[in-house]
Amino acid sequence: MDGYLSTRDVAQRYGVTVQTVLLWIKAGKLKHIKLTPRLYRIKESDLEAFERGETQSAEAGSNI
């Protein structure tokens, strides 16, 4: 079962800022779930796909 990571978790994992992670999301490079206008979660499996270089379209984010 997939776990979910916050933008802060992803930023710490890669040694970048949260702003960089948000740029990846907005550029369609990182699939995400948008919980509120400023709150995102990233599935671990989607992060692994990102690591493999599999990018998502800019509209790939899901709204719940």
C-alpha atoms as a PDB file:
ATOM      1  CA  MET A   1       0.000   0.000   0.000  1.00  0.00           C
ATOM      2  CA  ASP A   2       1.264   3.431  -0.936  1.00  0.00           C
ATOM      3  CA  GLY A   3       2.061   6.015   1.676  1.00  0.00           C
ATOM      4  CA  TYR A   4       1.667   9.710   1.078  1.00  0.00           C
ATOM      5  CA  LEU A   5       4.323  12.377   1.473  1.00  0.00           C
ATOM      6  CA  SER A   6       3.968  16.099   2.016  1.00  0.00           C
ATOM      7  CA  THR A   7       5.805  18.622  -0.118  1.00  0.00           C
ATOM      8  CA  ARG A   8       8.074  19.171   2.883  1.00  0.00           C
ATOM      9  CA  ASP A   9       8.874  15.438   3.049  1.00  0.00           C
ATOM     10  CA  VAL A  10       9.760  15.395  -0.653  1.00  0.00           C
ATOM     11  CA  ALA A  11      11.877  18.532  -0.293  1.00  0.00           C
ATOM     12  CA  GLN A  12      13.842  17.020   2.591  1.00  0.00           C
ATOM     13  CA  ARG A  13      14.338  13.776   0.678  1.00  0.00           C
ATOM     14  CA  TYR A  14      15.953  15.624  -2.244  1.00  0.00           C
ATOM     15  CA  GLY A  15      17.637  18.427  -0.333  1.00  0.00           C
ATOM     16  CA  VAL A  16      15.630  21.145  -2.056  1.00  0.00           C
ATOM     17  CA  THR A  17      13.111  23.735  -0.888  1.00  0.00           C
ATOM     18  CA  VAL A  18       9.349  23.239  -0.734  1.00  0.00           C
ATOM     19  CA  GLN A  19       9.129  25.907  -3.443  1.00  0.00           C
ATOM     20  CA  THR A  20      11.167  23.664  -5.763  1.00  0.00           C
ATOM     21  CA  VAL A  21       8.780  20.773  -5.142  1.00  0.00           C
ATOM     22  CA  LEU A  22       5.842  23.079  -5.906  1.00  0.00           C
ATOM     23  CA  LEU A  23       7.548  24.093  -9.148  1.00  0.00           C
ATOM     24  CA  TRP A  24       7.902  20.407 -10.085  1.00  0.00           C
ATOM     25  CA  ILE A  25       4.185  19.958  -9.417  1.00  0.00           C
ATOM     26  CA  LYS A  26       3.187  23.037 -11.420  1.00  0.00           C
ATOM     27  CA  ALA A  27       5.456  21.995 -14.296  1.00  0.00           C
ATOM     28  CA  GLY A  28       3.700  18.614 -14.435  1.00  0.00           C
ATOM     29  CA  LYS A  29       6.824  16.706 -13.425  1.00  0.00           C
ATOM     30  CA  LEU A  30       5.396  15.286 -10.202  1.00  0.00           C
ATOM     31  CA  LYS A  31       1.938  13.740  -9.896  1.00  0.00           C
ATOM     32  CA  HIS A  32       0.078  14.870  -6.806  1.00  0.00           C
ATOM     33  CA  ILE A  33      -3.181  15.023  -4.944  1.00  0.00           C
ATOM     34  CA  LYS A  34      -4.414  18.512  -4.157  1.00  0.00           C
ATOM     35  CA  LEU A  35      -6.202  18.580  -0.805  1.00  0.00           C
ATOM     36  CA  THR A  36      -6.677  22.347  -0.568  1.00  0.00           C
ATOM     37  CA  PRO A  37      -5.401  25.234  -2.703  1.00  0.00           C
ATOM     38  CA  ARG A  38      -2.084  25.124  -0.802  1.00  0.00           C
ATOM     39  CA  LEU A  39      -1.896  21.531   0.472  1.00  0.00           C
ATOM     40  CA  TYR A  40      -0.583  18.682  -1.664  1.00  0.00           C
ATOM     41  CA  ARG A  41       0.259  15.031  -1.074  1.00  0.00           C
ATOM     42  CA  ILE A  42       2.470  12.846  -3.229  1.00  0.00           C
ATOM     43  CA  LYS A  43       2.092   9.075  -3.344  1.00  0.00           C
ATOM     44  CA  GLU A  44       5.318   7.164  -2.764  1.00  0.00           C
ATOM     45  CA  SER A  45       4.748   5.260  -6.027  1.00  0.00           C
ATOM     46  CA  ASP A  46       4.386   8.556  -7.918  1.00  0.00           C
ATOM     47  CA  LEU A  47       7.614   9.794  -6.359  1.00  0.00           C
ATOM     48  CA  GLU A  48       9.348   6.598  -7.500  1.00  0.00           C
ATOM     49  CA  ALA A  49       8.042   7.233 -11.040  1.00  0.00           C
ATOM     50  CA  PHE A  50       9.437  10.777 -10.808  1.00  0.00           C
ATOM     51  CA  GLU A  51      12.805   9.325  -9.781  1.00  0.00           C
ATOM     52  CA  ARG A  52      12.742   7.093 -12.860  1.00  0.00           C
ATOM     53  CA  GLY A  53      12.117  10.153 -15.022  1.00  0.00           C
ATOM     54  CA  GLU A  54       8.493   9.359 -15.775  1.00  0.00           C
ATOM     55  CA  THR A  55       6.812  12.773 -15.833  1.00  0.00           C
ATOM     56  CA  GLN A  56       3.111  13.546 -15.708  1.00  0.00           C
ATOM     57  CA  SER A  57       1.135  16.032 -17.760  1.00  0.00           C
ATOM     58  CA  ALA A  58       0.532  19.426 -16.167  1.00  0.00           C
ATOM     59  CA  GLU A  59      -3.092  18.443 -15.478  1.00  0.00           C
ATOM     60  CA  ALA A  60      -2.296  15.084 -13.882  1.00  0.00           C
ATOM     61  CA  GLY A  61      -2.962  16.255 -10.342  1.00  0.00           C
ATOM     62  CA  SER A  62      -6.119  14.918  -8.739  1.00  0.00           C
ATOM     63  CA  ASN A  63      -8.559  16.911  -6.712  1.00  0.00           C
ATOM     64  CA  ILE A  64     -10.272  15.283  -3.764  1.00  0.00           C
END
